[in-house]
C-alpha atoms as a PDB file:
ATOM      1  CA  UNK A   1       8.036  43.358  -3.154  1.00  0.00           C
ATOM      2  CA  UNK A   2       6.745  46.086  -5.470  1.00  0.00           C
ATOM      3  CA  UNK A   3       8.256  49.527  -5.946  1.00  0.00           C
ATOM      4  CA  UNK A   4       6.018  52.148  -4.358  1.00  0.00           C
ATOM      5  CA  UNK A   5       3.765  53.671  -7.016  1.00  0.00           C
ATOM      6  CA  UNK A   6       0.548  55.501  -6.156  1.00  0.00           C
ATOM      7  CA  UNK A   7      -1.445  57.910  -8.322  1.00  0.00           C
ATOM      8  CA  UNK A   8      -1.990  61.327  -6.661  1.00  0.00           C
ATOM      9  CA  UNK A   9      -4.672  61.030  -3.981  1.00  0.00           C
ATOM     10  CA  UNK A  10      -7.552  63.410  -4.827  1.00  0.00           C
ATOM     11  CA  UNK A  11      -8.444  63.617  -1.136  1.00  0.00           C
ATOM     12  CA  UNK A  12      -5.040  65.090  -0.199  1.00  0.00           C
ATOM     13  CA  UNK A  13      -3.899  68.580  -1.075  1.00  0.00           C
ATOM     14  CA  UNK A  14      -0.286  67.449  -1.503  1.00  0.00           C
ATOM     15  CA  UNK A  15       1.537  64.327  -2.593  1.00  0.00           C
ATOM     16  CA  UNK A  16       5.201  63.380  -2.406  1.00  0.00           C
ATOM     17  CA  UNK A  17       7.692  62.364  -5.077  1.00  0.00           C
ATOM     18  CA  UNK A  18      10.897  60.434  -4.433  1.00  0.00           C
ATOM     19  CA  UNK A  19      14.127  62.301  -5.178  1.00  0.00           C
ATOM     20  CA  UNK A  20      16.188  59.114  -5.048  1.00  0.00           C
ATOM     21  CA  UNK A  21      15.309  55.544  -5.976  1.00  0.00           C
ATOM     22  CA  UNK A  22      11.860  54.684  -4.570  1.00  0.00           C
ATOM     23  CA  UNK A  23      11.645  52.550  -1.458  1.00  0.00           C
ATOM     24  CA  UNK A  24      10.434  48.944  -1.581  1.00  0.00           C
ATOM     25  CA  UNK A  25       7.002  48.107  -0.286  1.00  0.00           C
ATOM     26  CA  UNK A  26       6.711  46.760   3.274  1.00  0.00           C
ATOM     27  CA  UNK A  27       3.555  45.417   4.832  1.00  0.00           C
ATOM     28  CA  UNK A  28       1.990  47.717   7.446  1.00  0.00           C
ATOM     29  CA  UNK A  29      -1.061  46.767   9.486  1.00  0.00           C
ATOM     30  CA  UNK A  30      -3.388  49.409  10.942  1.00  0.00           C
ATOM     31  CA  UNK A  31      -6.231  49.101  13.425  1.00  0.00           C
ATOM     32  CA  UNK A  32      -9.702  50.362  12.520  1.00  0.00           C
ATOM     33  CA  UNK A  33     -11.765  51.390  15.545  1.00  0.00           C
ATOM     34  CA  UNK A  34     -15.023  51.608  13.586  1.00  0.00           C
ATOM     35  CA  UNK A  35     -18.210  51.131  15.584  1.00  0.00           C
ATOM     36  CA  UNK A  36     -20.249  49.597  12.743  1.00  0.00           C
ATOM     37  CA  UNK A  37     -19.363  46.507  10.743  1.00  0.00           C
ATOM     38  CA  UNK A  38     -22.210  46.076   8.236  1.00  0.00           C
ATOM     39  CA  UNK A  39     -22.145  48.223   5.093  1.00  0.00           C
ATOM     40  CA  UNK A  40     -25.449  48.978   3.416  1.00  0.00           C
ATOM     41  CA  UNK A  41     -25.623  48.675  -0.357  1.00  0.00           C
ATOM     42  CA  UNK A  42     -28.388  50.508  -2.197  1.00  0.00           C
ATOM     43  CA  UNK A  43     -27.227  49.639  -5.731  1.00  0.00           C
ATOM     44  CA  UNK A  44     -30.201  48.143  -7.608  1.00  0.00           C
ATOM     45  CA  UNK A  45     -27.971  45.986  -9.827  1.00  0.00           C
ATOM     46  CA  UNK A  46     -26.390  44.016  -6.975  1.00  0.00           C
ATOM     47  CA  UNK A  47     -28.259  41.048  -5.440  1.00  0.00           C
ATOM     48  CA  UNK A  48     -27.519  41.909  -1.812  1.00  0.00           C
ATOM     49  CA  UNK A  49     -28.070  44.799   0.583  1.00  0.00           C
ATOM     50  CA  UNK A  50     -25.523  44.105   3.329  1.00  0.00           C
ATOM     51  CA  UNK A  51     -21.801  43.386   3.130  1.00  0.00           C
ATOM     52  CA  UNK A  52     -19.119  42.795   5.736  1.00  0.00           C
ATOM     53  CA  UNK A  53     -15.409  43.546   5.256  1.00  0.00           C
ATOM     54  CA  UNK A  54     -13.082  42.633   8.141  1.00  0.00           C
ATOM     55  CA  UNK A  55     -10.140  44.156   6.235  1.00  0.00           C
ATOM     56  CA  UNK A  56      -9.501  47.278   4.155  1.00  0.00           C
ATOM     57  CA  UNK A  57      -6.882  47.068   1.431  1.00  0.00           C
ATOM     58  CA  UNK A  58      -5.816  43.699   0.050  1.00  0.00           C
ATOM     59  CA  UNK A  59      -2.456  41.932  -0.042  1.00  0.00           C
ATOM     60  CA  UNK A  60      -3.448  40.047  -3.206  1.00  0.00           C
ATOM     61  CA  UNK A  61      -2.484  43.204  -5.162  1.00  0.00           C
ATOM     62  CA  UNK A  62      -4.785  42.560  -8.141  1.00  0.00           C
ATOM     63  CA  UNK A  63      -4.073  45.288 -10.686  1.00  0.00           C
ATOM     64  CA  UNK A  64      -7.744  45.692 -11.616  1.00  0.00           C
ATOM     65  CA  UNK A  65      -9.316  45.825  -8.132  1.00  0.00           C
ATOM     66  CA  UNK A  66     -12.294  48.196  -8.130  1.00  0.00           C
ATOM     67  CA  UNK A  67     -11.855  48.809  -4.378  1.00  0.00           C
ATOM     68  CA  UNK A  68      -8.555  50.689  -4.762  1.00  0.00           C
ATOM     69  CA  UNK A  69     -10.067  54.211  -4.635  1.00  0.00           C
ATOM     70  CA  UNK A  70     -11.725  53.410  -1.287  1.00  0.00           C
ATOM     71  CA  UNK A  71      -8.250  53.350   0.288  1.00  0.00           C
ATOM     72  CA  UNK A  72      -7.828  57.012  -0.590  1.00  0.00           C
ATOM     73  CA  UNK A  73     -10.558  57.949   1.891  1.00  0.00           C
ATOM     74  CA  UNK A  74      -8.083  57.019   4.628  1.00  0.00           C
ATOM     75  CA  UNK A  75      -5.235  59.145   3.287  1.00  0.00           C
ATOM     76  CA  UNK A  76      -3.543  56.230   1.533  1.00  0.00           C
ATOM     77  CA  UNK A  77      -2.785  55.690  -2.155  1.00  0.00           C
ATOM     78  CA  UNK A  78      -4.718  53.509  -4.565  1.00  0.00           C
ATOM     79  CA  UNK A  79      -1.559  51.747  -5.776  1.00  0.00           C
ATOM     80  CA  UNK A  80       0.967  49.971  -3.599  1.00  0.00           C
ATOM     81  CA  UNK A  81      -0.572  51.478  -0.446  1.00  0.00           C
ATOM     82  CA  UNK A  82      -3.720  49.464  -1.171  1.00  0.00           C
ATOM     83  CA  UNK A  83      -1.598  46.298  -1.489  1.00  0.00           C
ATOM     84  CA  UNK A  84       0.571  46.835   1.583  1.00  0.00           C
ATOM     85  CA  UNK A  85      -1.176  49.108   4.113  1.00  0.00           C
ATOM     86  CA  UNK A  86      -3.876  46.815   5.382  1.00  0.00           C
ATOM     87  CA  UNK A  87      -6.460  47.957   7.915  1.00  0.00           C
ATOM     88  CA  UNK A  88      -7.925  45.331  10.237  1.00  0.00           C
ATOM     89  CA  UNK A  89     -11.112  45.525  12.280  1.00  0.00           C
ATOM     90  CA  UNK A  90     -10.368  43.544  15.456  1.00  0.00           C
ATOM     91  CA  UNK A  91     -13.837  44.171  16.904  1.00  0.00           C
ATOM     92  CA  UNK A  92     -15.613  42.861  13.813  1.00  0.00           C
ATOM     93  CA  UNK A  93     -17.280  39.869  15.486  1.00  0.00           C
ATOM     94  CA  UNK A  94     -18.575  41.716  18.606  1.00  0.00           C
ATOM     95  CA  UNK A  95     -19.881  44.496  16.361  1.00  0.00           C
ATOM     96  CA  UNK A  96     -21.653  41.950  14.174  1.00  0.00           C
ATOM     97  CA  UNK A  97     -23.226  40.367  17.235  1.00  0.00           C
ATOM     98  CA  UNK A  98     -24.511  43.782  18.325  1.00  0.00           C
ATOM     99  CA  UNK A  99     -25.990  44.371  14.870  1.00  0.00           C
ATOM    100  CA  UNK A 100     -27.768  41.003  14.777  1.00  0.00           C
ATOM    101  CA  UNK A 101     -29.202  41.529  18.258  1.00  0.00           C
ATOM    102  CA  UNK A 102     -30.956  44.733  17.215  1.00  0.00           C
ATOM    103  CA  UNK A 103     -34.731  44.295  16.849  1.00  0.00           C
ATOM    104  CA  UNK A 104     -34.490  45.985  13.437  1.00  0.00           C
ATOM    105  CA  UNK A 105     -32.344  43.167  12.019  1.00  0.00           C
ATOM    106  CA  UNK A 106     -34.498  40.701  10.077  1.00  0.00           C
ATOM    107  CA  UNK A 107     -31.907  38.115   9.025  1.00  0.00           C
ATOM    108  CA  UNK A 108     -31.045  39.334   5.525  1.00  0.00           C
ATOM    109  CA  UNK A 109     -28.147  37.908   3.500  1.00  0.00           C
ATOM    110  CA  UNK A 110     -24.681  39.167   4.520  1.00  0.00           C
ATOM    111  CA  UNK A 111     -22.023  39.067   1.801  1.00  0.00           C
ATOM    112  CA  UNK A 112     -18.409  38.758   2.945  1.00  0.00           C
ATOM    113  CA  UNK A 113     -15.890  40.555   0.699  1.00  0.00           C
ATOM    114  CA  UNK A 114     -18.109  43.138  -0.896  1.00  0.00           C
ATOM    115  CA  UNK A 115     -14.920  45.218  -1.013  1.00  0.00           C
ATOM    116  CA  UNK A 116     -11.681  43.313  -0.298  1.00  0.00           C
ATOM    117  CA  UNK A 117     -10.966  39.600   0.140  1.00  0.00           C
ATOM    118  CA  UNK A 118     -12.048  38.376   3.568  1.00  0.00           C
ATOM    119  CA  UNK A 119      -9.601  35.442   3.302  1.00  0.00           C
ATOM    120  CA  UNK A 120      -6.471  37.381   2.393  1.00  0.00           C
ATOM    121  CA  UNK A 121      -3.274  36.208   4.190  1.00  0.00           C
ATOM    122  CA  UNK A 122      -3.786  38.258   7.388  1.00  0.00           C
ATOM    123  CA  UNK A 123      -6.898  36.183   8.085  1.00  0.00           C
ATOM    124  CA  UNK A 124      -4.623  33.257   8.969  1.00  0.00           C
ATOM    125  CA  UNK A 125      -3.343  35.317  11.919  1.00  0.00           C
ATOM    126  CA  UNK A 126      -6.330  37.460  12.908  1.00  0.00           C
ATOM    127  CA  UNK A 127      -9.214  35.050  12.218  1.00  0.00           C
ATOM    128  CA  UNK A 128     -11.703  37.919  11.879  1.00  0.00           C
ATOM    129  CA  UNK A 129     -13.661  36.324   9.052  1.00  0.00           C
ATOM    130  CA  UNK A 130     -13.960  33.041  10.925  1.00  0.00           C
ATOM    131  CA  UNK A 131     -15.126  34.842  14.074  1.00  0.00           C
ATOM    132  CA  UNK A 132     -17.813  36.669  12.106  1.00  0.00           C
ATOM    133  CA  UNK A 133     -18.927  33.457  10.396  1.00  0.00           C
ATOM    134  CA  UNK A 134     -19.266  31.849  13.823  1.00  0.00           C
ATOM    135  CA  UNK A 135     -21.619  34.667  14.825  1.00  0.00           C
ATOM    136  CA  UNK A 136     -23.649  34.132  11.653  1.00  0.00           C
ATOM    137  CA  UNK A 137     -23.829  30.410  12.393  1.00  0.00           C
ATOM    138  CA  UNK A 138     -24.985  31.088  15.939  1.00  0.00           C
ATOM    139  CA  UNK A 139     -27.773  33.334  14.640  1.00  0.00           C
ATOM    140  CA  UNK A 140     -28.467  31.085  11.607  1.00  0.00           C
ATOM    141  CA  UNK A 141     -28.018  34.096   9.344  1.00  0.00           C
ATOM    142  CA  UNK A 142     -27.566  33.483   5.565  1.00  0.00           C
ATOM    143  CA  UNK A 143     -24.088  34.199   4.185  1.00  0.00           C
ATOM    144  CA  UNK A 144     -22.493  34.740   0.785  1.00  0.00           C
ATOM    145  CA  UNK A 145     -18.709  34.750   0.302  1.00  0.00           C
ATOM    146  CA  UNK A 146     -16.499  35.967  -2.556  1.00  0.00           C
ATOM    147  CA  UNK A 147     -12.833  34.984  -2.381  1.00  0.00           C
ATOM    148  CA  UNK A 148      -9.669  33.974  -4.216  1.00  0.00           C
ATOM    149  CA  UNK A 149      -8.078  32.318  -1.202  1.00  0.00           C
ATOM    150  CA  UNK A 150      -7.477  28.637  -0.518  1.00  0.00           C
ATOM    151  CA  UNK A 151      -7.405  29.582   3.190  1.00  0.00           C
ATOM    152  CA  UNK A 152     -11.181  29.158   3.163  1.00  0.00           C
ATOM    153  CA  UNK A 153     -10.620  25.384   3.378  1.00  0.00           C
ATOM    154  CA  UNK A 154      -9.705  25.918   7.029  1.00  0.00           C
ATOM    155  CA  UNK A 155     -13.348  26.765   7.723  1.00  0.00           C
ATOM    156  CA  UNK A 156     -15.063  23.928   5.865  1.00  0.00           C
ATOM    157  CA  UNK A 157     -16.732  22.526   8.978  1.00  0.00           C
ATOM    158  CA  UNK A 158     -18.066  25.955   9.939  1.00  0.00           C
ATOM    159  CA  UNK A 159     -19.359  26.535   6.403  1.00  0.00           C
ATOM    160  CA  UNK A 160     -20.959  23.111   6.489  1.00  0.00           C
ATOM    161  CA  UNK A 161     -22.794  24.128   9.664  1.00  0.00           C
ATOM    162  CA  UNK A 162     -24.023  27.305   7.962  1.00  0.00           C
ATOM    163  CA  UNK A 163     -25.199  25.235   5.010  1.00  0.00           C
ATOM    164  CA  UNK A 164     -27.071  22.777   7.232  1.00  0.00           C
ATOM    165  CA  UNK A 165     -28.656  25.309   9.593  1.00  0.00           C
ATOM    166  CA  UNK A 166     -28.970  28.470   7.486  1.00  0.00           C
ATOM    167  CA  UNK A 167     -27.782  29.229   3.918  1.00  0.00           C
ATOM    168  CA  UNK A 168     -24.359  29.781   2.354  1.00  0.00           C
ATOM    169  CA  UNK A 169     -22.818  30.047  -1.100  1.00  0.00           C
ATOM    170  CA  UNK A 170     -19.141  30.621  -1.943  1.00  0.00           C
ATOM    171  CA  UNK A 171     -18.066  32.342  -5.157  1.00  0.00           C
ATOM    172  CA  UNK A 172     -14.466  31.838  -6.229  1.00  0.00           C
ATOM    173  CA  UNK A 173     -12.993  34.655  -8.299  1.00  0.00           C
ATOM    174  CA  UNK A 174     -11.140  32.991 -11.202  1.00  0.00           C
ATOM    175  CA  UNK A 175     -10.523  35.382 -14.121  1.00  0.00           C
ATOM    176  CA  UNK A 176      -7.692  33.385 -15.739  1.00  0.00           C
ATOM    177  CA  UNK A 177      -7.135  29.818 -16.867  1.00  0.00           C
ATOM    178  CA  UNK A 178      -3.359  29.635 -16.295  1.00  0.00           C
ATOM    179  CA  UNK A 179      -1.203  30.444 -13.302  1.00  0.00           C
ATOM    180  CA  UNK A 180       1.432  32.348 -15.282  1.00  0.00           C
ATOM    181  CA  UNK A 181      -0.942  35.027 -16.553  1.00  0.00           C
ATOM    182  CA  UNK A 182      -2.743  35.239 -13.227  1.00  0.00           C
ATOM    183  CA  UNK A 183       0.536  35.818 -11.393  1.00  0.00           C
ATOM    184  CA  UNK A 184       1.273  38.873 -13.536  1.00  0.00           C
ATOM    185  CA  UNK A 185      -2.125  40.458 -12.842  1.00  0.00           C
ATOM    186  CA  UNK A 186      -2.829  39.102  -9.334  1.00  0.00           C
ATOM    187  CA  UNK A 187       0.770  38.782  -8.075  1.00  0.00           C
ATOM    188  CA  UNK A 188       0.080  37.820  -4.461  1.00  0.00           C
ATOM    189  CA  UNK A 189      -3.165  35.882  -4.825  1.00  0.00           C
ATOM    190  CA  UNK A 190      -3.277  32.067  -4.596  1.00  0.00           C
ATOM    191  CA  UNK A 191      -2.712  30.222  -7.863  1.00  0.00           C
ATOM    192  CA  UNK A 192      -5.603  29.208 -10.102  1.00  0.00           C
ATOM    193  CA  UNK A 193      -4.823  25.587  -9.251  1.00  0.00           C
ATOM    194  CA  UNK A 194      -5.184  26.324  -5.515  1.00  0.00           C
ATOM    195  CA  UNK A 195      -8.506  28.093  -6.042  1.00  0.00           C
ATOM    196  CA  UNK A 196      -9.904  25.162  -7.995  1.00  0.00           C
ATOM    197  CA  UNK A 197      -8.607  22.792  -5.326  1.00  0.00           C
ATOM    198  CA  UNK A 198     -10.428  24.809  -2.664  1.00  0.00           C
ATOM    199  CA  UNK A 199     -13.600  24.878  -4.772  1.00  0.00           C
ATOM    200  CA  UNK A 200     -13.472  21.093  -5.148  1.00  0.00           C
ATOM    201  CA  UNK A 201     -12.932  20.603  -1.409  1.00  0.00           C
ATOM    202  CA  UNK A 202     -15.923  22.774  -0.494  1.00  0.00           C
ATOM    203  CA  UNK A 203     -18.122  21.180  -3.154  1.00  0.00           C
ATOM    204  CA  UNK A 204     -17.199  17.701  -1.913  1.00  0.00           C
ATOM    205  CA  UNK A 205     -18.249  18.797   1.576  1.00  0.00           C
ATOM    206  CA  UNK A 206     -21.671  19.755   0.230  1.00  0.00           C
ATOM    207  CA  UNK A 207     -21.134  23.513   0.323  1.00  0.00           C
ATOM    208  CA  UNK A 208     -22.612  25.267  -2.766  1.00  0.00           C
ATOM    209  CA  UNK A 209     -19.880  26.896  -4.864  1.00  0.00           C
ATOM    210  CA  UNK A 210     -19.820  29.127  -7.932  1.00  0.00           C
ATOM    211  CA  UNK A 211     -17.260  30.805 -10.169  1.00  0.00           C
ATOM    212  CA  UNK A 212     -16.935  34.513 -10.908  1.00  0.00           C
ATOM    213  CA  UNK A 213     -15.037  35.310 -14.116  1.00  0.00           C
ATOM    214  CA  UNK A 214     -14.438  38.919 -13.202  1.00  0.00           C
ATOM    215  CA  UNK A 215     -13.123  40.993 -14.592  1.00  0.00           C
ATOM    216  CA  UNK A 216     -13.195  40.056 -18.240  1.00  0.00           C
ATOM    217  CA  UNK A 217     -10.186  41.954 -19.615  1.00  0.00           C
ATOM    218  CA  UNK A 218     -10.688  42.161 -23.381  1.00  0.00           C
ATOM    219  CA  UNK A 219      -7.558  41.283 -25.301  1.00  0.00           C
ATOM    220  CA  UNK A 220      -6.208  39.255 -22.373  1.00  0.00           C
ATOM    221  CA  UNK A 221      -8.549  36.682 -20.855  1.00  0.00           C
ATOM    222  CA  UNK A 222     -11.778  36.365 -22.864  1.00  0.00           C
ATOM    223  CA  UNK A 223     -10.402  33.269 -24.609  1.00  0.00           C
ATOM    224  CA  UNK A 224      -9.976  31.652 -21.162  1.00  0.00           C
ATOM    225  CA  UNK A 225     -13.720  31.688 -20.449  1.00  0.00           C
ATOM    226  CA  UNK A 226     -14.620  28.197 -21.770  1.00  0.00           C
ATOM    227  CA  UNK A 227     -11.716  26.519 -19.927  1.00  0.00           C
ATOM    228  CA  UNK A 228     -12.472  28.323 -16.652  1.00  0.00           C
ATOM    229  CA  UNK A 229     -16.098  27.259 -16.848  1.00  0.00           C
ATOM    230  CA  UNK A 230     -15.204  23.648 -17.654  1.00  0.00           C
ATOM    231  CA  UNK A 231     -12.650  23.312 -14.861  1.00  0.00           C
ATOM    232  CA  UNK A 232     -14.943  25.048 -12.363  1.00  0.00           C
ATOM    233  CA  UNK A 233     -17.810  22.721 -13.208  1.00  0.00           C
ATOM    234  CA  UNK A 234     -15.479  19.742 -12.794  1.00  0.00           C
ATOM    235  CA  UNK A 235     -14.589  21.161  -9.359  1.00  0.00           C
ATOM    236  CA  UNK A 236     -18.266  21.199  -8.396  1.00  0.00           C
ATOM    237  CA  UNK A 237     -19.417  24.745  -9.149  1.00  0.00           C
ATOM    238  CA  UNK A 238     -23.153  24.959  -9.848  1.00  0.00           C
ATOM    239  CA  UNK A 239     -23.359  28.624 -10.915  1.00  0.00           C
ATOM    240  CA  UNK A 240     -21.240  31.105 -12.869  1.00  0.00           C
ATOM    241  CA  UNK A 241     -21.142  34.838 -13.474  1.00  0.00           C
ATOM    242  CA  UNK A 242     -18.943  37.318 -15.312  1.00  0.00           C
ATOM    243  CA  UNK A 243     -18.366  41.076 -15.466  1.00  0.00           C
ATOM    244  CA  UNK A 244     -16.436  43.406 -17.733  1.00  0.00           C
ATOM    245  CA  UNK A 245     -13.410  45.326 -16.426  1.00  0.00           C
ATOM    246  CA  UNK A 246     -14.154  48.757 -14.910  1.00  0.00           C
ATOM    247  CA  UNK A 247     -11.444  51.371 -14.437  1.00  0.00           C
ATOM    248  CA  UNK A 248     -12.979  53.855 -12.026  1.00  0.00           C
ATOM    249  CA  UNK A 249     -10.931  56.714 -10.601  1.00  0.00           C
ATOM    250  CA  UNK A 250      -7.332  55.809  -9.850  1.00  0.00           C
ATOM    251  CA  UNK A 251      -7.862  52.152 -10.721  1.00  0.00           C
ATOM    252  CA  UNK A 252      -7.124  53.189 -14.304  1.00  0.00           C
ATOM    253  CA  UNK A 253      -3.533  54.502 -13.895  1.00  0.00           C
ATOM    254  CA  UNK A 254      -2.618  51.602 -11.588  1.00  0.00           C
ATOM    255  CA  UNK A 255      -4.019  49.038 -14.017  1.00  0.00           C
ATOM    256  CA  UNK A 256      -2.465  50.589 -17.134  1.00  0.00           C
ATOM    257  CA  UNK A 257       0.954  50.975 -15.503  1.00  0.00           C
ATOM    258  CA  UNK A 258       1.065  47.389 -14.287  1.00  0.00           C
ATOM    259  CA  UNK A 259      -0.363  45.899 -17.471  1.00  0.00           C
ATOM    260  CA  UNK A 260       2.106  47.873 -19.611  1.00  0.00           C
ATOM    261  CA  UNK A 261       4.922  46.425 -17.522  1.00  0.00           C
ATOM    262  CA  UNK A 262       3.539  42.871 -17.565  1.00  0.00           C
ATOM    263  CA  UNK A 263       2.206  42.726 -21.150  1.00  0.00           C
ATOM    264  CA  UNK A 264       4.017  45.339 -23.253  1.00  0.00           C
ATOM    265  CA  UNK A 265       3.056  43.493 -26.426  1.00  0.00           C
ATOM    266  CA  UNK A 266      -0.656  43.306 -25.543  1.00  0.00           C
ATOM    267  CA  UNK A 267      -1.471  46.572 -23.784  1.00  0.00           C
ATOM    268  CA  UNK A 268      -2.490  48.324 -27.027  1.00  0.00           C
ATOM    269  CA  UNK A 269      -4.890  45.474 -27.849  1.00  0.00           C
ATOM    270  CA  UNK A 270      -6.342  45.555 -24.316  1.00  0.00           C
ATOM    271  CA  UNK A 271      -7.013  49.309 -24.359  1.00  0.00           C
ATOM    272  CA  UNK A 272      -8.381  49.203 -27.907  1.00  0.00           C
ATOM    273  CA  UNK A 273     -10.847  46.405 -27.210  1.00  0.00           C
ATOM    274  CA  UNK A 274     -11.908  47.954 -23.908  1.00  0.00           C
ATOM    275  CA  UNK A 275     -12.593  51.173 -25.792  1.00  0.00           C
ATOM    276  CA  UNK A 276     -14.743  49.232 -28.270  1.00  0.00           C
ATOM    277  CA  UNK A 277     -16.816  47.742 -25.456  1.00  0.00           C
ATOM    278  CA  UNK A 278     -17.096  50.756 -23.189  1.00  0.00           C
ATOM    279  CA  UNK A 279     -16.100  53.839 -25.116  1.00  0.00           C
ATOM    280  CA  UNK A 280     -14.320  54.722 -21.883  1.00  0.00           C
ATOM    281  CA  UNK A 281     -12.649  52.821 -19.084  1.00  0.00           C
ATOM    282  CA  UNK A 282     -15.331  53.503 -16.499  1.00  0.00           C
ATOM    283  CA  UNK A 283     -19.091  53.110 -16.674  1.00  0.00           C
ATOM    284  CA  UNK A 284     -21.065  54.109 -13.617  1.00  0.00           C
ATOM    285  CA  UNK A 285     -24.655  53.555 -14.734  1.00  0.00           C
ATOM    286  CA  UNK A 286     -26.535  50.837 -12.861  1.00  0.00           C
ATOM    287  CA  UNK A 287     -27.182  47.706 -14.939  1.00  0.00           C
ATOM    288  CA  UNK A 288     -24.567  48.895 -17.484  1.00  0.00           C
ATOM    289  CA  UNK A 289     -21.405  49.090 -15.374  1.00  0.00           C
ATOM    290  CA  UNK A 290     -20.757  45.332 -15.307  1.00  0.00           C
ATOM    291  CA  UNK A 291     -21.218  44.699 -19.014  1.00  0.00           C
ATOM    292  CA  UNK A 292     -20.110  46.178 -22.314  1.00  0.00           C
ATOM    293  CA  UNK A 293     -21.755  47.025 -25.590  1.00  0.00           C
ATOM    294  CA  UNK A 294     -21.087  46.493 -29.262  1.00  0.00           C
ATOM    295  CA  UNK A 295     -20.371  43.508 -31.462  1.00  0.00           C
ATOM    296  CA  UNK A 296     -17.296  42.213 -29.661  1.00  0.00           C
ATOM    297  CA  UNK A 297     -19.005  42.276 -26.251  1.00  0.00           C
ATOM    298  CA  UNK A 298     -21.880  40.294 -27.763  1.00  0.00           C
ATOM    299  CA  UNK A 299     -19.315  37.706 -28.859  1.00  0.00           C
ATOM    300  CA  UNK A 300     -17.915  37.524 -25.299  1.00  0.00           C
ATOM    301  CA  UNK A 301     -21.388  37.094 -23.811  1.00  0.00           C
ATOM    302  CA  UNK A 302     -22.171  34.354 -26.325  1.00  0.00           C
ATOM    303  CA  UNK A 303     -18.877  32.631 -25.513  1.00  0.00           C
ATOM    304  CA  UNK A 304     -19.817  32.670 -21.818  1.00  0.00           C
ATOM    305  CA  UNK A 305     -23.314  31.242 -22.386  1.00  0.00           C
ATOM    306  CA  UNK A 306     -22.103  28.506 -24.744  1.00  0.00           C
ATOM    307  CA  UNK A 307     -19.257  27.707 -22.334  1.00  0.00           C
ATOM    308  CA  UNK A 308     -21.741  27.225 -19.490  1.00  0.00           C
ATOM    309  CA  UNK A 309     -23.845  24.830 -21.516  1.00  0.00           C
ATOM    310  CA  UNK A 310     -20.876  22.791 -22.743  1.00  0.00           C
ATOM    311  CA  UNK A 311     -19.472  22.577 -19.210  1.00  0.00           C
ATOM    312  CA  UNK A 312     -22.809  21.242 -17.974  1.00  0.00           C
ATOM    313  CA  UNK A 313     -23.885  24.007 -15.615  1.00  0.00           C
ATOM    314  CA  UNK A 314     -27.492  23.488 -14.524  1.00  0.00           C
ATOM    315  CA  UNK A 315     -30.156  26.007 -15.457  1.00  0.00           C
ATOM    316  CA  UNK A 316     -30.094  28.698 -12.784  1.00  0.00           C
ATOM    317  CA  UNK A 317     -33.303  29.146 -10.846  1.00  0.00           C
ATOM    318  CA  UNK A 318     -34.019  32.242  -8.810  1.00  0.00           C
ATOM    319  CA  UNK A 319     -34.960  30.836  -5.441  1.00  0.00           C
ATOM    320  CA  UNK A 320     -35.605  32.936  -2.339  1.00  0.00           C
ATOM    321  CA  UNK A 321     -33.075  32.587   0.445  1.00  0.00           C
ATOM    322  CA  UNK A 322     -34.773  30.757   3.332  1.00  0.00           C
ATOM    323  CA  UNK A 323     -35.714  32.676   6.451  1.00  0.00           C
ATOM    324  CA  UNK A 324     -33.553  30.835   8.999  1.00  0.00           C
ATOM    325  CA  UNK A 325     -32.498  33.714  11.251  1.00  0.00           C
ATOM    326  CA  UNK A 326     -32.922  33.114  14.981  1.00  0.00           C
ATOM    327  CA  UNK A 327     -31.563  35.057  17.912  1.00  0.00           C
ATOM    328  CA  UNK A 328     -29.909  32.648  20.362  1.00  0.00           C
ATOM    329  CA  UNK A 329     -31.605  32.024  23.677  1.00  0.00           C
ATOM    330  CA  UNK A 330     -34.689  30.256  25.043  1.00  0.00           C
ATOM    331  CA  UNK A 331     -37.770  30.291  22.865  1.00  0.00           C
ATOM    332  CA  UNK A 332     -40.529  32.579  24.162  1.00  0.00           C
ATOM    333  CA  UNK A 333     -43.669  30.485  24.404  1.00  0.00           C
ATOM    334  CA  UNK A 334     -47.157  31.694  23.588  1.00  0.00           C
ATOM    335  CA  UNK A 335     -49.084  32.605  26.749  1.00  0.00           C
ATOM    336  CA  UNK A 336     -52.594  32.528  25.304  1.00  0.00           C
END
């Protein structure tokens, strides 16, 4: 349990302070009655247009999560509220079916977890991600997944079906090489060992996997890059990506507070190096927001590229995602 700590919400005119000792965090689950499930992305520096998030907020409680400010739109805080007040979308699968049945839908890639982890612990109870994947399998719609959770192993057979009949790739988010450091930054996420175990299980089943070293937190985890790449390749990953830490909006006070508590002897080094690479904590320009600048960032990029080669990652080829989408039902024959 974490002590409640949220930066002031800019979307609320007032915020409250505790007069006595702050309360301990308790998990609260809320129902989202949204009538649309696919989110459109128009960012030119992201390789997908559509994402699907069955949950808002994330129990993994990663200090750096870029999605924290999105929780403020709902009147919650970006700190412990984001970790403990989770919104579920129980109608996610029926809404997805409706979207895929529309004549305007052409079978584009759908990325699960464009915002928060689709396999966070509540998925074990609600099964919303699995239900949505079943719809995608029925329609043979291509799918991408980003996760930290070993729970994904539950759905190996379903993912195998998507691989055989459509297209699927699973990215595992692994920013650290050791469980001890990861636990301090991602306190409620599965261990690094569990993530690699899940990656190996999916790879063995023939499901394409990749590793995402994101975020790179300068002064904390850049030295982990070669080991992460090596262990991921050994677990079957065929692709790798990385991105520099961004501290947009109220992500910054949450991150700095938690990192100061967890790494009091390293926080000055972290902030100094981040300043060298960014000049500021947040960078919103397309094609610049995921990477840094300057000599030290060039060293990090070189470390990543050399690490990929030494680990034996194959040369990445840009291949179009196959057009497999089909609406279920009898085929309409040609009359003439």
